[in-house]
Amino acid sequence: MHLYPSISAPKAPSVHVGAHTHVNPNTIVRMVALRNYTQLFFTDRKSFIVSRTLKYLEETLQPHGNFIRINRHESVNELYVKKCMKSGVVILKDDSRIVPSRRRAKKTYEYFNGMSKLY
């Protein structure tokens, strides 16, 4: 017998990313564009490719998570950013580095510095 039968655990959000694929946006670490396809990298170090553009996925996932475009080909989930260096290089929690585009380096650095001051 349950103490609280009417209370259930909240269901994790599930977002349609292509074909018959639904994912929890909080488990996506980063997305990499491959022309008209996008490779998704997850927290369990698995990845797969969907036949959607990076722009489409960013628009679809926007209400569910904060994905930041670092350069033309890559977008990261800010939940998994460890730090951002002065040059704009983003270091993720798994110690992988993502180099921003020349024009986005300053904005990337300012975004993550402002975000860290809020906490």
PDB file of N, CA and C in Angstrom:
ATOM      1  N   MET A   1       0.837  -1.175   0.000  1.00  0.00           N
ATOM      2  CA  MET A   1       0.000   0.000   0.000  1.00  0.00           C
ATOM      3  C   MET A   1       0.886   1.244   0.000  1.00  0.00           C
ATOM      4  N   HIS A   2       0.578   2.197  -0.888  1.00  0.00           N
ATOM      5  CA  HIS A   2       1.348   3.427  -0.990  1.00  0.00           C
ATOM      6  C   HIS A   2       0.844   4.462   0.004  1.00  0.00           C
ATOM      7  N   LEU A   3       1.750   5.232   0.556  1.00  0.00           N
ATOM      8  CA  LEU A   3       1.357   6.298   1.468  1.00  0.00           C
ATOM      9  C   LEU A   3       0.648   7.426   0.738  1.00  0.00           C
ATOM     10  N   TYR A   4       1.102   7.698  -0.482  1.00  0.00           N
ATOM     11  CA  TYR A   4       0.523   8.790  -1.277  1.00  0.00           C
ATOM     12  C   TYR A   4       0.118   8.243  -2.647  1.00  0.00           C
ATOM     13  N   PRO A   5      -1.011   7.558  -2.731  1.00  0.00           N
ATOM     14  CA  PRO A   5      -1.373   6.933  -4.004  1.00  0.00           C
ATOM     15  C   PRO A   5      -1.702   7.906  -5.113  1.00  0.00           C
ATOM     16  N   SER A   6      -2.138   9.118  -4.796  1.00  0.00           N
ATOM     17  CA  SER A   6      -2.528  10.052  -5.847  1.00  0.00           C
ATOM     18  C   SER A   6      -1.351  10.840  -6.407  1.00  0.00           C
ATOM     19  N   ILE A   7      -0.209  10.779  -5.744  1.00  0.00           N
ATOM     20  CA  ILE A   7       0.973  11.524  -6.198  1.00  0.00           C
ATOM     21  C   ILE A   7       1.861  10.580  -6.995  1.00  0.00           C
ATOM     22  N   SER A   8       2.186  10.983  -8.187  1.00  0.00           N
ATOM     23  CA  SER A   8       3.090  10.192  -9.014  1.00  0.00           C
ATOM     24  C   SER A   8       4.294  11.042  -9.388  1.00  0.00           C
ATOM     25  N   ALA A   9       5.368  10.383  -9.746  1.00  0.00           N
ATOM     26  CA  ALA A   9       6.580  11.092 -10.139  1.00  0.00           C
ATOM     27  C   ALA A   9       6.313  11.857 -11.430  1.00  0.00           C
ATOM     28  N   PRO A  10       6.863  13.072 -11.552  1.00  0.00           N
ATOM     29  CA  PRO A  10       6.644  13.831 -12.787  1.00  0.00           C
ATOM     30  C   PRO A  10       7.311  13.133 -13.968  1.00  0.00           C
ATOM     31  N   LYS A  11       6.617  13.108 -15.073  1.00  0.00           N
ATOM     32  CA  LYS A  11       7.134  12.475 -16.270  1.00  0.00           C
ATOM     33  C   LYS A  11       8.163  13.387 -16.927  1.00  0.00           C
ATOM     34  N   ALA A  12       9.269  12.796 -17.354  1.00  0.00           N
ATOM     35  CA  ALA A  12      10.317  13.570 -18.018  1.00  0.00           C
ATOM     36  C   ALA A  12       9.785  14.062 -19.363  1.00  0.00           C
ATOM     37  N   PRO A  13      10.130  15.290 -19.750  1.00  0.00           N
ATOM     38  CA  PRO A  13       9.649  15.789 -21.031  1.00  0.00           C
ATOM     39  C   PRO A  13      10.226  14.970 -22.178  1.00  0.00           C
ATOM     40  N   SER A  14       9.429  14.755 -23.177  1.00  0.00           N
ATOM     41  CA  SER A  14       9.847  13.991 -24.341  1.00  0.00           C
ATOM     42  C   SER A  14       9.559  14.828 -25.579  1.00  0.00           C
ATOM     43  N   VAL A  15      10.578  15.007 -26.409  1.00  0.00           N
ATOM     44  CA  VAL A  15      10.459  15.849 -27.589  1.00  0.00           C
ATOM     45  C   VAL A  15      10.724  15.008 -28.833  1.00  0.00           C
ATOM     46  N   HIS A  16       9.892  15.180 -29.842  1.00  0.00           N
ATOM     47  CA  HIS A  16      10.041  14.475 -31.118  1.00  0.00           C
ATOM     48  C   HIS A  16      11.166  15.133 -31.906  1.00  0.00           C
ATOM     49  N   VAL A  17      12.202  14.352 -32.235  1.00  0.00           N
ATOM     50  CA  VAL A  17      13.332  14.913 -32.972  1.00  0.00           C
ATOM     51  C   VAL A  17      13.472  14.352 -34.381  1.00  0.00           C
ATOM     52  N   GLY A  18      12.644  13.405 -34.743  1.00  0.00           N
ATOM     53  CA  GLY A  18      12.716  12.866 -36.092  1.00  0.00           C
ATOM     54  C   GLY A  18      12.254  11.433 -36.140  1.00  0.00           C
ATOM     55  N   ALA A  19      11.670  11.059 -37.268  1.00  0.00           N
ATOM     56  CA  ALA A  19      11.151   9.703 -37.503  1.00  0.00           C
ATOM     57  C   ALA A  19      10.289   9.259 -36.332  1.00  0.00           C
ATOM     58  N   HIS A  20      10.692   8.210 -35.664  1.00  0.00           N
ATOM     59  CA  HIS A  20       9.949   7.709 -34.503  1.00  0.00           C
ATOM     60  C   HIS A  20      10.768   7.912 -33.243  1.00  0.00           C
ATOM     61  N   THR A  21      11.519   8.967 -33.181  1.00  0.00           N
ATOM     62  CA  THR A  21      12.452   9.195 -32.088  1.00  0.00           C
ATOM     63  C   THR A  21      11.988  10.321 -31.179  1.00  0.00           C
ATOM     64  N   HIS A  22      11.900  10.015 -29.915  1.00  0.00           N
ATOM     65  CA  HIS A  22      11.580  11.003 -28.884  1.00  0.00           C
ATOM     66  C   HIS A  22      12.701  10.958 -27.856  1.00  0.00           C
ATOM     67  N   VAL A  23      13.161  12.136 -27.424  1.00  0.00           N
ATOM     68  CA  VAL A  23      14.238  12.199 -26.440  1.00  0.00           C
ATOM     69  C   VAL A  23      13.894  13.188 -25.342  1.00  0.00           C
ATOM     70  N   ASN A  24      14.537  13.020 -24.213  1.00  0.00           N
ATOM     71  CA  ASN A  24      14.445  13.977 -23.120  1.00  0.00           C
ATOM     72  C   ASN A  24      15.488  15.060 -23.393  1.00  0.00           C
ATOM     73  N   PRO A  25      15.091  16.321 -23.550  1.00  0.00           N
ATOM     74  CA  PRO A  25      16.059  17.374 -23.887  1.00  0.00           C
ATOM     75  C   PRO A  25      17.131  17.587 -22.828  1.00  0.00           C
ATOM     76  N   ASN A  26      16.858  17.209 -21.583  1.00  0.00           N
ATOM     77  CA  ASN A  26      17.856  17.386 -20.526  1.00  0.00           C
ATOM     78  C   ASN A  26      19.000  16.389 -20.624  1.00  0.00           C
ATOM     79  N   THR A  27      18.855  15.362 -21.440  1.00  0.00           N
ATOM     80  CA  THR A  27      19.922  14.377 -21.599  1.00  0.00           C
ATOM     81  C   THR A  27      20.822  14.681 -22.788  1.00  0.00           C
ATOM     82  N   ILE A  28      20.476  15.670 -23.595  1.00  0.00           N
ATOM     83  CA  ILE A  28      21.300  16.043 -24.749  1.00  0.00           C
ATOM     84  C   ILE A  28      22.409  16.981 -24.268  1.00  0.00           C
ATOM     85  N   VAL A  29      23.647  16.607 -24.518  1.00  0.00           N
ATOM     86  CA  VAL A  29      24.791  17.431 -24.133  1.00  0.00           C
ATOM     87  C   VAL A  29      25.103  18.444 -25.220  1.00  0.00           C
ATOM     88  N   ARG A  30      25.184  17.966 -26.468  1.00  0.00           N
ATOM     89  CA  ARG A  30      25.452  18.871 -27.582  1.00  0.00           C
ATOM     90  C   ARG A  30      24.908  18.299 -28.872  1.00  0.00           C
ATOM     91  N   MET A  31      24.816  19.167 -29.874  1.00  0.00           N
ATOM     92  CA  MET A  31      24.336  18.782 -31.192  1.00  0.00           C
ATOM     93  C   MET A  31      25.325  19.297 -32.230  1.00  0.00           C
ATOM     94  N   VAL A  32      25.620  18.461 -33.204  1.00  0.00           N
ATOM     95  CA  VAL A  32      26.574  18.820 -34.253  1.00  0.00           C
ATOM     96  C   VAL A  32      25.894  18.674 -35.612  1.00  0.00           C
ATOM     97  N   ALA A  33      25.955  19.736 -36.415  1.00  0.00           N
ATOM     98  CA  ALA A  33      25.341  19.744 -37.745  1.00  0.00           C
ATOM     99  C   ALA A  33      26.199  18.969 -38.736  1.00  0.00           C
ATOM    100  N   LEU A  34      25.522  18.163 -39.532  1.00  0.00           N
ATOM    101  CA  LEU A  34      26.158  17.416 -40.614  1.00  0.00           C
ATOM    102  C   LEU A  34      25.312  17.639 -41.867  1.00  0.00           C
ATOM    103  N   ARG A  35      25.409  18.829 -42.436  1.00  0.00           N
ATOM    104  CA  ARG A  35      24.565  19.286 -43.546  1.00  0.00           C
ATOM    105  C   ARG A  35      23.097  19.240 -43.153  1.00  0.00           C
ATOM    106  N   ASN A  36      22.290  18.379 -43.761  1.00  0.00           N
ATOM    107  CA  ASN A  36      20.867  18.301 -43.428  1.00  0.00           C
ATOM    108  C   ASN A  36      20.570  17.266 -42.348  1.00  0.00           C
ATOM    109  N   TYR A  37      21.583  16.789 -41.682  1.00  0.00           N
ATOM    110  CA  TYR A  37      21.446  15.848 -40.585  1.00  0.00           C
ATOM    111  C   TYR A  37      22.063  16.482 -39.338  1.00  0.00           C
ATOM    112  N   THR A  38      21.735  15.941 -38.181  1.00  0.00           N
ATOM    113  CA  THR A  38      22.322  16.427 -36.943  1.00  0.00           C
ATOM    114  C   THR A  38      22.664  15.241 -36.061  1.00  0.00           C
ATOM    115  N   GLN A  39      23.868  15.275 -35.514  1.00  0.00           N
ATOM    116  CA  GLN A  39      24.286  14.230 -34.590  1.00  0.00           C
ATOM    117  C   GLN A  39      24.046  14.729 -33.167  1.00  0.00           C
ATOM    118  N   LEU A  40      23.314  13.941 -32.386  1.00  0.00           N
ATOM    119  CA  LEU A  40      23.008  14.278 -31.004  1.00  0.00           C
ATOM    120  C   LEU A  40      23.905  13.472 -30.082  1.00  0.00           C
ATOM    121  N   PHE A  41      24.517  14.140 -29.098  1.00  0.00           N
ATOM    122  CA  PHE A  41      25.358  13.481 -28.107  1.00  0.00           C
ATOM    123  C   PHE A  41      24.649  13.547 -26.765  1.00  0.00           C
ATOM    124  N   PHE A  42      24.609  12.412 -26.053  1.00  0.00           N
ATOM    125  CA  PHE A  42      23.854  12.319 -24.813  1.00  0.00           C
ATOM    126  C   PHE A  42      24.755  12.139 -23.602  1.00  0.00           C
ATOM    127  N   THR A  43      24.153  12.254 -22.419  1.00  0.00           N
ATOM    128  CA  THR A  43      24.901  12.152 -21.168  1.00  0.00           C
ATOM    129  C   THR A  43      25.491  10.765 -20.946  1.00  0.00           C
ATOM    130  N   ASP A  44      24.902   9.737 -21.517  1.00  0.00           N
ATOM    131  CA  ASP A  44      25.431   8.384 -21.360  1.00  0.00           C
ATOM    132  C   ASP A  44      26.498   8.060 -22.410  1.00  0.00           C
ATOM    133  N   ARG A  45      27.016   9.091 -23.057  1.00  0.00           N
ATOM    134  CA  ARG A  45      28.079   9.025 -24.067  1.00  0.00           C
ATOM    135  C   ARG A  45      27.653   8.315 -25.349  1.00  0.00           C
ATOM    136  N   LYS A  46      26.368   8.128 -25.534  1.00  0.00           N
ATOM    137  CA  LYS A  46      25.867   7.583 -26.787  1.00  0.00           C
ATOM    138  C   LYS A  46      25.525   8.740 -27.717  1.00  0.00           C
ATOM    139  N   SER A  47      25.433   8.431 -28.995  1.00  0.00           N
ATOM    140  CA  SER A  47      25.042   9.452 -29.960  1.00  0.00           C
ATOM    141  C   SER A  47      24.284   8.782 -31.098  1.00  0.00           C
ATOM    142  N   PHE A  48      23.476   9.557 -31.781  1.00  0.00           N
ATOM    143  CA  PHE A  48      22.847   9.082 -32.995  1.00  0.00           C
ATOM    144  C   PHE A  48      22.542  10.254 -33.902  1.00  0.00           C
ATOM    145  N   ILE A  49      22.269   9.946 -35.158  1.00  0.00           N
ATOM    146  CA  ILE A  49      22.053  10.969 -36.175  1.00  0.00           C
ATOM    147  C   ILE A  49      20.573  10.991 -36.552  1.00  0.00           C
ATOM    148  N   VAL A  50      20.022  12.199 -36.633  1.00  0.00           N
ATOM    149  CA  VAL A  50      18.635  12.372 -37.068  1.00  0.00           C
ATOM    150  C   VAL A  50      18.629  13.186 -38.360  1.00  0.00           C
ATOM    151  N   SER A  51      17.601  12.998 -39.148  1.00  0.00           N
ATOM    152  CA  SER A  51      17.524  13.693 -40.440  1.00  0.00           C
ATOM    153  C   SER A  51      16.779  15.018 -40.298  1.00  0.00           C
ATOM    154  N   ARG A  52      17.251  15.845 -39.401  1.00  0.00           N
ATOM    155  CA  ARG A  52      16.729  17.195 -39.179  1.00  0.00           C
ATOM    156  C   ARG A  52      17.916  18.146 -39.118  1.00  0.00           C
ATOM    157  N   THR A  53      17.689  19.400 -39.490  1.00  0.00           N
ATOM    158  CA  THR A  53      18.764  20.383 -39.427  1.00  0.00           C
ATOM    159  C   THR A  53      18.963  20.851 -37.989  1.00  0.00           C
ATOM    160  N   LEU A  54      20.102  21.400 -37.727  1.00  0.00           N
ATOM    161  CA  LEU A  54      20.411  21.920 -36.395  1.00  0.00           C
ATOM    162  C   LEU A  54      19.454  23.049 -36.032  1.00  0.00           C
ATOM    163  N   LYS A  55      19.145  23.902 -36.977  1.00  0.00           N
ATOM    164  CA  LYS A  55      18.226  25.016 -36.729  1.00  0.00           C
ATOM    165  C   LYS A  55      16.846  24.500 -36.321  1.00  0.00           C
ATOM    166  N   TYR A  56      16.348  23.488 -37.007  1.00  0.00           N
ATOM    167  CA  TYR A  56      15.038  22.922 -36.678  1.00  0.00           C
ATOM    168  C   TYR A  56      15.041  22.356 -35.257  1.00  0.00           C
ATOM    169  N   LEU A  57      16.092  21.621 -34.906  1.00  0.00           N
ATOM    170  CA  LEU A  57      16.166  21.030 -33.566  1.00  0.00           C
ATOM    171  C   LEU A  57      16.275  22.092 -32.485  1.00  0.00           C
ATOM    172  N   GLU A  58      17.030  23.154 -32.743  1.00  0.00           N
ATOM    173  CA  GLU A  58      17.125  24.238 -31.763  1.00  0.00           C
ATOM    174  C   GLU A  58      15.763  24.877 -31.537  1.00  0.00           C
ATOM    175  N   GLU A  59      15.014  25.094 -32.600  1.00  0.00           N
ATOM    176  CA  GLU A  59      13.680  25.685 -32.463  1.00  0.00           C
ATOM    177  C   GLU A  59      12.729  24.738 -31.732  1.00  0.00           C
ATOM    178  N   THR A  60      12.839  23.452 -31.999  1.00  0.00           N
ATOM    179  CA  THR A  60      11.982  22.465 -31.359  1.00  0.00           C
ATOM    180  C   THR A  60      12.305  22.325 -29.869  1.00  0.00           C
ATOM    181  N   LEU A  61      13.583  22.370 -29.536  1.00  0.00           N
ATOM    182  CA  LEU A  61      14.012  22.152 -28.156  1.00  0.00           C
ATOM    183  C   LEU A  61      14.028  23.427 -27.320  1.00  0.00           C
ATOM    184  N   GLN A  62      13.837  24.573 -27.934  1.00  0.00           N
ATOM    185  CA  GLN A  62      13.926  25.846 -27.217  1.00  0.00           C
ATOM    186  C   GLN A  62      13.042  25.934 -25.977  1.00  0.00           C
ATOM    187  N   PRO A  63      11.777  25.513 -26.007  1.00  0.00           N
ATOM    188  CA  PRO A  63      10.963  25.623 -24.790  1.00  0.00           C
ATOM    189  C   PRO A  63      11.375  24.657 -23.675  1.00  0.00           C
ATOM    190  N   HIS A  64      12.198  23.647 -24.006  1.00  0.00           N
ATOM    191  CA  HIS A  64      12.524  22.611 -23.029  1.00  0.00           C
ATOM    192  C   HIS A  64      13.927  22.710 -22.452  1.00  0.00           C
ATOM    193  N   GLY A  65      14.797  23.471 -23.044  1.00  0.00           N
ATOM    194  CA  GLY A  65      16.169  23.558 -22.563  1.00  0.00           C
ATOM    195  C   GLY A  65      16.865  24.740 -23.194  1.00  0.00           C
ATOM    196  N   ASN A  66      17.998  25.073 -22.651  1.00  0.00           N
ATOM    197  CA  ASN A  66      18.757  26.207 -23.159  1.00  0.00           C
ATOM    198  C   ASN A  66      19.939  25.709 -23.969  1.00  0.00           C
ATOM    199  N   PHE A  67      19.775  25.723 -25.271  1.00  0.00           N
ATOM    200  CA  PHE A  67      20.843  25.326 -26.168  1.00  0.00           C
ATOM    201  C   PHE A  67      21.446  26.585 -26.770  1.00  0.00           C
ATOM    202  N   ILE A  68      22.757  26.690 -26.675  1.00  0.00           N
ATOM    203  CA  ILE A  68      23.492  27.871 -27.123  1.00  0.00           C
ATOM    204  C   ILE A  68      24.301  27.495 -28.354  1.00  0.00           C
ATOM    205  N   ARG A  69      24.141  28.256 -29.423  1.00  0.00           N
ATOM    206  CA  ARG A  69      24.896  28.031 -30.652  1.00  0.00           C
ATOM    207  C   ARG A  69      26.294  28.587 -30.435  1.00  0.00           C
ATOM    208  N   ILE A  70      27.290  27.719 -30.512  1.00  0.00           N
ATOM    209  CA  ILE A  70      28.673  28.110 -30.287  1.00  0.00           C
ATOM    210  C   ILE A  70      29.346  28.512 -31.590  1.00  0.00           C
ATOM    211  N   ASN A  71      29.095  27.763 -32.625  1.00  0.00           N
ATOM    212  CA  ASN A  71      29.605  28.101 -33.945  1.00  0.00           C
ATOM    213  C   ASN A  71      28.603  27.610 -34.981  1.00  0.00           C
ATOM    214  N   ARG A  72      28.958  27.659 -36.213  1.00  0.00           N
ATOM    215  CA  ARG A  72      28.012  27.320 -37.279  1.00  0.00           C
ATOM    216  C   ARG A  72      27.530  25.875 -37.211  1.00  0.00           C
ATOM    217  N   HIS A  73      28.335  25.006 -36.648  1.00  0.00           N
ATOM    218  CA  HIS A  73      28.037  23.583 -36.672  1.00  0.00           C
ATOM    219  C   HIS A  73      27.661  22.980 -35.328  1.00  0.00           C
ATOM    220  N   GLU A  74      27.834  23.719 -34.225  1.00  0.00           N
ATOM    221  CA  GLU A  74      27.631  23.100 -32.916  1.00  0.00           C
ATOM    222  C   GLU A  74      26.771  23.953 -31.991  1.00  0.00           C
ATOM    223  N   SER A  75      25.974  23.252 -31.218  1.00  0.00           N
ATOM    224  CA  SER A  75      25.132  23.866 -30.212  1.00  0.00           C
ATOM    225  C   SER A  75      25.264  23.033 -28.948  1.00  0.00           C
ATOM    226  N   VAL A  76      25.372  23.681 -27.776  1.00  0.00           N
ATOM    227  CA  VAL A  76      25.555  22.954 -26.521  1.00  0.00           C
ATOM    228  C   VAL A  76      24.417  23.263 -25.554  1.00  0.00           C
ATOM    229  N   ASN A  77      24.157  22.317 -24.684  1.00  0.00           N
ATOM    230  CA  ASN A  77      23.186  22.499 -23.617  1.00  0.00           C
ATOM    231  C   ASN A  77      23.931  23.163 -22.467  1.00  0.00           C
ATOM    232  N   GLU A  78      23.453  24.308 -22.026  1.00  0.00           N
ATOM    233  CA  GLU A  78      24.184  25.055 -21.005  1.00  0.00           C
ATOM    234  C   GLU A  78      24.240  24.328 -19.667  1.00  0.00           C
ATOM    235  N   LEU A  79      23.418  23.318 -19.466  1.00  0.00           N
ATOM    236  CA  LEU A  79      23.475  22.528 -18.236  1.00  0.00           C
ATOM    237  C   LEU A  79      24.791  21.770 -18.110  1.00  0.00           C
ATOM    238  N   TYR A  80      25.444  21.485 -19.223  1.00  0.00           N
ATOM    239  CA  TYR A  80      26.645  20.661 -19.229  1.00  0.00           C
ATOM    240  C   TYR A  80      27.919  21.452 -19.509  1.00  0.00           C
ATOM    241  N   VAL A  81      27.849  22.770 -19.395  1.00  0.00           N
ATOM    242  CA  VAL A  81      29.039  23.603 -19.582  1.00  0.00           C
ATOM    243  C   VAL A  81      29.748  23.751 -18.251  1.00  0.00           C
ATOM    244  N   LYS A  82      31.017  23.374 -18.235  1.00  0.00           N
ATOM    245  CA  LYS A  82      31.812  23.486 -17.012  1.00  0.00           C
ATOM    246  C   LYS A  82      32.320  24.914 -16.851  1.00  0.00           C
ATOM    247  N   LYS A  83      32.945  25.438 -17.913  1.00  0.00           N
ATOM    248  CA  LYS A  83      33.407  26.824 -17.883  1.00  0.00           C
ATOM    249  C   LYS A  83      33.647  27.329 -19.290  1.00  0.00           C
ATOM    250  N   CYS A  84      33.768  28.637 -19.378  1.00  0.00           N
ATOM    251  CA  CYS A  84      34.046  29.288 -20.653  1.00  0.00           C
ATOM    252  C   CYS A  84      35.289  30.143 -20.464  1.00  0.00           C
ATOM    253  N   MET A  85      36.283  29.915 -21.280  1.00  0.00           N
ATOM    254  CA  MET A  85      37.542  30.644 -21.157  1.00  0.00           C
ATOM    255  C   MET A  85      37.422  32.022 -21.800  1.00  0.00           C
ATOM    256  N   LYS A  86      38.378  32.881 -21.516  1.00  0.00           N
ATOM    257  CA  LYS A  86      38.381  34.251 -22.038  1.00  0.00           C
ATOM    258  C   LYS A  86      38.339  34.284 -23.560  1.00  0.00           C
ATOM    259  N   SER A  87      38.940  33.287 -24.205  1.00  0.00           N
ATOM    260  CA  SER A  87      38.949  33.218 -25.666  1.00  0.00           C
ATOM    261  C   SER A  87      37.594  32.778 -26.230  1.00  0.00           C
ATOM    262  N   GLY A  88      36.670  32.375 -25.356  1.00  0.00           N
ATOM    263  CA  GLY A  88      35.361  31.930 -25.790  1.00  0.00           C
ATOM    264  C   GLY A  88      35.258  30.422 -25.905  1.00  0.00           C
ATOM    265  N   VAL A  89      36.378  29.724 -25.723  1.00  0.00           N
ATOM    266  CA  VAL A  89      36.370  28.263 -25.792  1.00  0.00           C
ATOM    267  C   VAL A  89      35.511  27.719 -24.659  1.00  0.00           C
ATOM    268  N   VAL A  90      34.577  26.847 -24.999  1.00  0.00           N
ATOM    269  CA  VAL A  90      33.658  26.273 -24.021  1.00  0.00           C
ATOM    270  C   VAL A  90      34.163  24.891 -23.632  1.00  0.00           C
ATOM    271  N   ILE A  91      34.279  24.660 -22.316  1.00  0.00           N
ATOM    272  CA  ILE A  91      34.705  23.361 -21.801  1.00  0.00           C
ATOM    273  C   ILE A  91      33.485  22.707 -21.159  1.00  0.00           C
ATOM    274  N   LEU A  92      33.154  21.521 -21.658  1.00  0.00           N
ATOM    275  CA  LEU A  92      32.003  20.794 -21.140  1.00  0.00           C
ATOM    276  C   LEU A  92      32.410  19.954 -19.935  1.00  0.00           C
ATOM    277  N   LYS A  93      31.436  19.417 -19.229  1.00  0.00           N
ATOM    278  CA  LYS A  93      31.704  18.637 -18.023  1.00  0.00           C
ATOM    279  C   LYS A  93      32.479  17.362 -18.296  1.00  0.00           C
ATOM    280  N   ASP A  94      32.434  16.858 -19.528  1.00  0.00           N
ATOM    281  CA  ASP A  94      33.232  15.680 -19.875  1.00  0.00           C
ATOM    282  C   ASP A  94      34.621  16.077 -20.391  1.00  0.00           C
ATOM    283  N   ASP A  95      35.002  17.335 -20.172  1.00  0.00           N
ATOM    284  CA  ASP A  95      36.299  17.919 -20.542  1.00  0.00           C
ATOM    285  C   ASP A  95      36.530  18.034 -22.044  1.00  0.00           C
ATOM    286  N   SER A  96      35.494  17.922 -22.847  1.00  0.00           N
ATOM    287  CA  SER A  96      35.658  18.197 -24.275  1.00  0.00           C
ATOM    288  C   SER A  96      35.597  19.708 -24.487  1.00  0.00           C
ATOM    289  N   ARG A  97      36.299  20.173 -25.490  1.00  0.00           N
ATOM    290  CA  ARG A  97      36.382  21.612 -25.774  1.00  0.00           C
ATOM    291  C   ARG A  97      35.711  21.916 -27.105  1.00  0.00           C
ATOM    292  N   ILE A  98      34.990  23.024 -27.118  1.00  0.00           N
ATOM    293  CA  ILE A  98      34.354  23.477 -28.346  1.00  0.00           C
ATOM    294  C   ILE A  98      34.835  24.893 -28.623  1.00  0.00           C
ATOM    295  N   VAL A  99      35.427  25.068 -29.778  1.00  0.00           N
ATOM    296  CA  VAL A  99      35.968  26.362 -30.168  1.00  0.00           C
ATOM    297  C   VAL A  99      34.877  27.155 -30.871  1.00  0.00           C
ATOM    298  N   PRO A 100      34.599  28.370 -30.402  1.00  0.00           N
ATOM    299  CA  PRO A 100      33.550  29.175 -31.041  1.00  0.00           C
ATOM    300  C   PRO A 100      34.049  29.807 -32.329  1.00  0.00           C
ATOM    301  N   SER A 101      33.115  30.277 -33.112  1.00  0.00           N
ATOM    302  CA  SER A 101      33.502  31.012 -34.302  1.00  0.00           C
ATOM    303  C   SER A 101      34.102  32.355 -33.866  1.00  0.00           C
ATOM    304  N   ARG A 102      34.842  32.958 -34.732  1.00  0.00           N
ATOM    305  CA  ARG A 102      35.525  34.211 -34.414  1.00  0.00           C
ATOM    306  C   ARG A 102      34.537  35.286 -33.981  1.00  0.00           C
ATOM    307  N   ARG A 103      33.410  35.366 -34.662  1.00  0.00           N
ATOM    308  CA  ARG A 103      32.434  36.414 -34.363  1.00  0.00           C
ATOM    309  C   ARG A 103      31.586  36.107 -33.133  1.00  0.00           C
ATOM    310  N   ARG A 104      31.491  34.850 -32.743  1.00  0.00           N
ATOM    311  CA  ARG A 104      30.672  34.499 -31.578  1.00  0.00           C
ATOM    312  C   ARG A 104      31.479  34.317 -30.304  1.00  0.00           C
ATOM    313  N   ALA A 105      32.792  34.414 -30.375  1.00  0.00           N
ATOM    314  CA  ALA A 105      33.643  34.170 -29.210  1.00  0.00           C
ATOM    315  C   ALA A 105      33.341  35.149 -28.082  1.00  0.00           C
ATOM    316  N   LYS A 106      33.258  36.429 -28.385  1.00  0.00           N
ATOM    317  CA  LYS A 106      33.022  37.443 -27.350  1.00  0.00           C
ATOM    318  C   LYS A 106      31.625  37.270 -26.744  1.00  0.00           C
ATOM    319  N   LYS A 107      30.608  37.065 -27.584  1.00  0.00           N
ATOM    320  CA  LYS A 107      29.243  36.891 -27.087  1.00  0.00           C
ATOM    321  C   LYS A 107      29.133  35.634 -26.219  1.00  0.00           C
ATOM    322  N   THR A 108      29.820  34.574 -26.625  1.00  0.00           N
ATOM    323  CA  THR A 108      29.796  33.330 -25.854  1.00  0.00           C
ATOM    324  C   THR A 108      30.406  33.553 -24.481  1.00  0.00           C
ATOM    325  N   TYR A 109      31.561  34.222 -24.443  1.00  0.00           N
ATOM    326  CA  TYR A 109      32.218  34.488 -23.169  1.00  0.00           C
ATOM    327  C   TYR A 109      31.343  35.361 -22.269  1.00  0.00           C
ATOM    328  N   GLU A 110      30.754  36.405 -22.828  1.00  0.00           N
ATOM    329  CA  GLU A 110      29.894  37.292 -22.040  1.00  0.00           C
ATOM    330  C   GLU A 110      28.645  36.573 -21.548  1.00  0.00           C
ATOM    331  N   TYR A 111      28.082  35.700 -22.376  1.00  0.00           N
ATOM    332  CA  TYR A 111      26.882  34.968 -21.974  1.00  0.00           C
ATOM    333  C   TYR A 111      27.165  34.076 -20.772  1.00  0.00           C
ATOM    334  N   PHE A 112      28.242  33.299 -20.836  1.00  0.00           N
ATOM    335  CA  PHE A 112      28.523  32.372 -19.747  1.00  0.00           C
ATOM    336  C   PHE A 112      29.067  33.081 -18.508  1.00  0.00           C
ATOM    337  N   ASN A 113      29.727  34.210 -18.659  1.00  0.00           N
ATOM    338  CA  ASN A 113      30.144  34.975 -17.479  1.00  0.00           C
ATOM    339  C   ASN A 113      28.938  35.581 -16.782  1.00  0.00           C
ATOM    340  N   GLY A 114      28.005  36.130 -17.533  1.00  0.00           N
ATOM    341  CA  GLY A 114      26.787  36.692 -16.957  1.00  0.00           C
ATOM    342  C   GLY A 114      25.951  35.611 -16.299  1.00  0.00           C
ATOM    343  N   MET A 115      25.929  34.414 -16.889  1.00  0.00           N
ATOM    344  CA  MET A 115      25.140  33.316 -16.333  1.00  0.00           C
ATOM    345  C   MET A 115      25.719  32.865 -15.000  1.00  0.00           C
ATOM    346  N   SER A 116      27.051  32.814 -14.894  1.00  0.00           N
ATOM    347  CA  SER A 116      27.666  32.340 -13.643  1.00  0.00           C
ATOM    348  C   SER A 116      27.459  33.356 -12.515  1.00  0.00           C
ATOM    349  N   LYS A 117      27.303  34.630 -12.834  1.00  0.00           N
ATOM    350  CA  LYS A 117      27.073  35.634 -11.791  1.00  0.00           C
ATOM    351  C   LYS A 117      25.660  35.573 -11.248  1.00  0.00           C
ATOM    352  N   LEU A 118      24.745  34.969 -12.014  1.00  0.00           N
ATOM    353  CA  LEU A 118      23.367  34.878 -11.551  1.00  0.00           C
ATOM    354  C   LEU A 118      23.204  33.827 -10.464  1.00  0.00           C
ATOM    355  N   TYR A 119      24.097  32.829 -10.409  1.00  0.00           N
ATOM    356  CA  TYR A 119      23.950  31.752  -9.439  1.00  0.00           C
ATOM    357  C   TYR A 119      24.692  32.032  -8.153  1.00  0.00           C
TER     358      TYR A 119
END
